[in-house]
Amino acid sequence: MMSLARKYNGPYCSRFGTIAVELGFISRAQLKQSLDEQVEDDLSARPHRVLGAICFAHGWMTPEQIDIVLNRMFKARVQRGSRANESQQAPG
């Protein structure tokens, strides 16, 4: 059975942390630590924090780097949406 995330994100959706590591903005260890903190916040009923906010709070990423990652995520999502629309309009 397909998960809802996979259904709505297509076959693959690059996540914030993956892109940040690929671009060299953070290390894999920093990504793991920020994911651990995000889960700990959620389990402790503290307000949910996005990875960009956690990385910024630690001084690992600048606002400009966060914008670069978010823009890359947005562009990938728009491109996937365009391809999906084209395939739906293709004659069968």
N, C-alpha and C. Protein backbone atom coordinates (compact mmCIF):
# COMPACT_ATOMS: atom_id res chain seq x y z
N MET A 1 0.83 -1.18 0.00
CA MET A 1 0.00 0.00 0.00
C MET A 1 0.88 1.25 0.00
N MET A 2 0.55 2.23 -0.82
CA MET A 2 1.35 3.45 -0.95
C MET A 2 1.05 4.40 0.20
N SER A 3 2.10 4.97 0.79
CA SER A 3 1.90 5.93 1.87
C SER A 3 1.33 7.22 1.30
N LEU A 4 0.66 7.98 2.15
CA LEU A 4 0.11 9.26 1.70
C LEU A 4 1.21 10.20 1.24
N ALA A 5 2.34 10.23 1.96
CA ALA A 5 3.43 11.11 1.57
C ALA A 5 3.91 10.77 0.17
N ARG A 6 4.08 9.49 -0.11
CA ARG A 6 4.55 9.07 -1.43
C ARG A 6 3.50 9.37 -2.50
N LYS A 7 2.22 9.20 -2.16
CA LYS A 7 1.14 9.46 -3.10
C LYS A 7 1.15 10.92 -3.53
N TYR A 8 1.29 11.83 -2.58
CA TYR A 8 1.22 13.26 -2.89
C TYR A 8 2.54 13.86 -3.31
N ASN A 9 3.65 13.24 -2.99
CA ASN A 9 4.96 13.78 -3.34
C ASN A 9 5.54 13.15 -4.59
N GLY A 10 4.86 12.21 -5.18
CA GLY A 10 5.40 11.56 -6.37
C GLY A 10 6.33 10.45 -5.96
N PRO A 11 7.07 9.90 -6.93
CA PRO A 11 7.93 8.76 -6.63
C PRO A 11 9.08 9.10 -5.70
N TYR A 12 9.54 10.36 -5.72
CA TYR A 12 10.61 10.73 -4.81
C TYR A 12 10.55 12.23 -4.58
N CYS A 13 10.60 12.63 -3.35
CA CYS A 13 10.60 14.04 -3.00
C CYS A 13 11.81 14.30 -2.13
N SER A 14 12.76 15.08 -2.65
CA SER A 14 13.93 15.41 -1.84
C SER A 14 13.50 16.22 -0.64
N ARG A 15 14.01 15.84 0.48
CA ARG A 15 13.65 16.50 1.72
C ARG A 15 14.68 17.58 2.05
N PHE A 16 14.31 18.49 2.94
CA PHE A 16 15.16 19.61 3.30
C PHE A 16 16.55 19.14 3.70
N GLY A 17 16.62 18.18 4.62
CA GLY A 17 17.92 17.72 5.13
C GLY A 17 18.78 17.08 4.06
N THR A 18 18.18 16.30 3.19
CA THR A 18 18.92 15.66 2.12
C THR A 18 19.55 16.70 1.20
N ILE A 19 18.77 17.70 0.83
CA ILE A 19 19.29 18.74 -0.05
C ILE A 19 20.38 19.54 0.65
N ALA A 20 20.17 19.89 1.92
CA ALA A 20 21.17 20.66 2.66
C ALA A 20 22.50 19.91 2.74
N VAL A 21 22.44 18.61 2.94
CA VAL A 21 23.68 17.80 2.97
C VAL A 21 24.31 17.74 1.58
N GLU A 22 23.49 17.49 0.55
CA GLU A 22 24.01 17.40 -0.81
C GLU A 22 24.71 18.70 -1.23
N LEU A 23 24.19 19.84 -0.77
CA LEU A 23 24.79 21.13 -1.12
C LEU A 23 25.98 21.48 -0.23
N GLY A 24 26.23 20.66 0.78
CA GLY A 24 27.36 20.89 1.67
C GLY A 24 27.12 21.94 2.74
N PHE A 25 25.85 22.28 2.97
CA PHE A 25 25.52 23.29 3.98
C PHE A 25 25.62 22.71 5.40
N ILE A 26 25.28 21.43 5.54
CA ILE A 26 25.40 20.75 6.83
C ILE A 26 25.98 19.36 6.58
N SER A 27 26.50 18.76 7.64
CA SER A 27 27.03 17.40 7.54
C SER A 27 25.92 16.40 7.83
N ARG A 28 26.20 15.15 7.55
CA ARG A 28 25.23 14.09 7.87
C ARG A 28 25.01 14.01 9.38
N ALA A 29 26.08 14.23 10.15
CA ALA A 29 25.96 14.19 11.62
C ALA A 29 25.05 15.33 12.10
N GLN A 30 25.20 16.51 11.49
CA GLN A 30 24.34 17.63 11.87
C GLN A 30 22.89 17.36 11.49
N LEU A 31 22.68 16.75 10.33
CA LEU A 31 21.32 16.38 9.93
C LEU A 31 20.72 15.41 10.94
N LYS A 32 21.49 14.39 11.32
CA LYS A 32 20.99 13.42 12.29
C LYS A 32 20.65 14.09 13.61
N GLN A 33 21.52 14.98 14.08
CA GLN A 33 21.26 15.66 15.35
C GLN A 33 20.00 16.52 15.25
N SER A 34 19.82 17.22 14.13
CA SER A 34 18.63 18.06 14.01
C SER A 34 17.36 17.22 13.91
N LEU A 35 17.43 16.07 13.23
CA LEU A 35 16.27 15.17 13.19
C LEU A 35 15.96 14.63 14.59
N ASP A 36 17.01 14.26 15.34
CA ASP A 36 16.81 13.79 16.72
C ASP A 36 16.13 14.87 17.57
N GLU A 37 16.58 16.12 17.42
CA GLU A 37 15.98 17.22 18.18
C GLU A 37 14.52 17.44 17.77
N GLN A 38 14.25 17.32 16.48
CA GLN A 38 12.88 17.50 16.01
C GLN A 38 11.95 16.45 16.61
N VAL A 39 12.39 15.20 16.61
CA VAL A 39 11.59 14.12 17.18
C VAL A 39 11.43 14.31 18.69
N GLU A 40 12.52 14.67 19.36
CA GLU A 40 12.45 14.89 20.81
C GLU A 40 11.46 16.01 21.15
N ASP A 41 11.50 17.09 20.38
CA ASP A 41 10.52 18.17 20.58
C ASP A 41 9.10 17.65 20.45
N ASP A 42 8.86 16.88 19.39
CA ASP A 42 7.52 16.36 19.15
C ASP A 42 7.07 15.41 20.26
N LEU A 43 7.96 14.54 20.69
CA LEU A 43 7.61 13.58 21.74
C LEU A 43 7.42 14.25 23.10
N SER A 44 8.07 15.38 23.30
CA SER A 44 7.98 16.09 24.58
C SER A 44 6.87 17.14 24.57
N ALA A 45 6.05 17.13 23.54
CA ALA A 45 4.92 18.06 23.40
C ALA A 45 5.38 19.51 23.32
N ARG A 46 6.62 19.72 22.86
CA ARG A 46 7.08 21.09 22.59
C ARG A 46 6.65 21.45 21.18
N PRO A 47 6.62 22.74 20.87
CA PRO A 47 6.23 23.13 19.51
C PRO A 47 7.14 22.49 18.46
N HIS A 48 6.54 22.06 17.36
CA HIS A 48 7.28 21.46 16.27
C HIS A 48 8.18 22.50 15.63
N ARG A 49 9.45 22.12 15.39
CA ARG A 49 10.38 23.01 14.69
C ARG A 49 10.81 22.34 13.39
N VAL A 50 10.85 23.13 12.34
CA VAL A 50 11.33 22.61 11.06
C VAL A 50 12.85 22.53 11.10
N LEU A 51 13.42 21.70 10.22
CA LEU A 51 14.86 21.48 10.24
C LEU A 51 15.65 22.76 9.98
N GLY A 52 15.15 23.61 9.11
CA GLY A 52 15.85 24.86 8.84
C GLY A 52 15.99 25.71 10.10
N ALA A 53 14.94 25.76 10.91
CA ALA A 53 14.99 26.54 12.15
C ALA A 53 15.98 25.93 13.14
N ILE A 54 16.03 24.62 13.21
CA ILE A 54 16.97 23.95 14.11
C ILE A 54 18.41 24.21 13.65
N CYS A 55 18.66 24.07 12.35
CA CYS A 55 20.01 24.30 11.83
C CYS A 55 20.42 25.75 12.02
N PHE A 56 19.50 26.68 11.84
CA PHE A 56 19.79 28.09 12.04
C PHE A 56 20.10 28.38 13.51
N ALA A 57 19.32 27.79 14.42
CA ALA A 57 19.52 28.01 15.85
C ALA A 57 20.91 27.56 16.30
N HIS A 58 21.42 26.51 15.65
CA HIS A 58 22.76 26.01 15.98
C HIS A 58 23.86 26.79 15.27
N GLY A 59 23.49 27.65 14.35
CA GLY A 59 24.49 28.39 13.58
C GLY A 59 25.09 27.59 12.44
N TRP A 60 24.42 26.49 12.06
CA TRP A 60 24.93 25.63 11.00
C TRP A 60 24.57 26.15 9.61
N MET A 61 23.45 26.87 9.52
CA MET A 61 23.00 27.37 8.23
C MET A 61 22.60 28.84 8.37
N THR A 62 22.82 29.57 7.29
CA THR A 62 22.41 30.97 7.23
C THR A 62 21.00 31.04 6.63
N PRO A 63 20.32 32.18 6.80
CA PRO A 63 19.01 32.33 6.14
C PRO A 63 19.11 32.18 4.62
N GLU A 64 20.20 32.62 4.05
CA GLU A 64 20.37 32.50 2.60
C GLU A 64 20.46 31.03 2.18
N GLN A 65 21.19 30.23 2.95
CA GLN A 65 21.30 28.80 2.64
C GLN A 65 19.95 28.11 2.78
N ILE A 66 19.20 28.49 3.79
CA ILE A 66 17.85 27.91 3.98
C ILE A 66 16.98 28.25 2.78
N ASP A 67 17.05 29.49 2.32
CA ASP A 67 16.28 29.89 1.13
C ASP A 67 16.68 29.09 -0.10
N ILE A 68 17.97 28.84 -0.26
CA ILE A 68 18.43 28.05 -1.41
C ILE A 68 17.82 26.65 -1.37
N VAL A 69 17.83 26.02 -0.20
CA VAL A 69 17.27 24.68 -0.07
C VAL A 69 15.76 24.70 -0.35
N LEU A 70 15.05 25.66 0.25
CA LEU A 70 13.60 25.73 0.04
C LEU A 70 13.26 26.00 -1.43
N ASN A 71 14.03 26.86 -2.08
CA ASN A 71 13.80 27.13 -3.51
C ASN A 71 14.03 25.88 -4.34
N ARG A 72 15.05 25.11 -4.00
CA ARG A 72 15.31 23.87 -4.74
C ARG A 72 14.16 22.88 -4.53
N MET A 73 13.64 22.80 -3.31
CA MET A 73 12.51 21.91 -3.04
C MET A 73 11.28 22.36 -3.84
N PHE A 74 11.03 23.66 -3.85
CA PHE A 74 9.87 24.20 -4.56
C PHE A 74 9.98 23.95 -6.06
N LYS A 75 11.16 24.20 -6.63
CA LYS A 75 11.34 24.00 -8.07
C LYS A 75 11.14 22.53 -8.44
N ALA A 76 11.65 21.63 -7.62
CA ALA A 76 11.48 20.19 -7.89
C ALA A 76 10.01 19.81 -7.84
N ARG A 77 9.27 20.36 -6.90
CA ARG A 77 7.85 20.05 -6.77
C ARG A 77 7.08 20.59 -7.97
N VAL A 78 7.41 21.80 -8.42
CA VAL A 78 6.73 22.40 -9.57
C VAL A 78 7.04 21.58 -10.82
N GLN A 79 8.29 21.17 -11.00
CA GLN A 79 8.65 20.37 -12.17
C GLN A 79 7.93 19.04 -12.17
N ARG A 80 7.83 18.40 -10.99
CA ARG A 80 7.11 17.13 -10.90
C ARG A 80 5.65 17.33 -11.26
N GLY A 81 5.07 18.43 -10.79
CA GLY A 81 3.66 18.71 -11.08
C GLY A 81 3.44 18.93 -12.56
N SER A 82 4.36 19.61 -13.23
CA SER A 82 4.25 19.84 -14.67
C SER A 82 4.32 18.53 -15.44
N ARG A 83 5.23 17.66 -15.05
CA ARG A 83 5.35 16.36 -15.72
C ARG A 83 4.09 15.53 -15.51
N ALA A 84 3.53 15.58 -14.30
CA ALA A 84 2.31 14.82 -14.03
C ALA A 84 1.16 15.33 -14.88
N ASN A 85 1.05 16.64 -15.00
CA ASN A 85 -0.02 17.22 -15.83
C ASN A 85 0.15 16.83 -17.29
N GLU A 86 1.38 16.83 -17.80
CA GLU A 86 1.64 16.46 -19.18
C GLU A 86 1.27 15.00 -19.43
N SER A 87 1.59 14.11 -18.49
CA SER A 87 1.28 12.70 -18.69
C SER A 87 -0.23 12.45 -18.64
N GLN A 88 -0.97 13.24 -17.87
CA GLN A 88 -2.41 13.08 -17.80
C GLN A 88 -3.08 13.58 -19.07
N GLN A 89 -2.45 14.54 -19.76
CA GLN A 89 -3.03 15.11 -20.97
C GLN A 89 -2.62 14.36 -22.22
N ALA A 90 -1.64 13.47 -22.08
CA ALA A 90 -1.17 12.73 -23.25
C ALA A 90 -2.27 11.81 -23.76
N PRO A 91 -2.44 11.72 -25.10
CA PRO A 91 -3.47 10.83 -25.64
C PRO A 91 -3.18 9.38 -25.29
N GLY A 92 -4.21 8.65 -24.95
CA GLY A 92 -4.08 7.27 -24.52
C GLY A 92 -4.17 6.38 -25.62
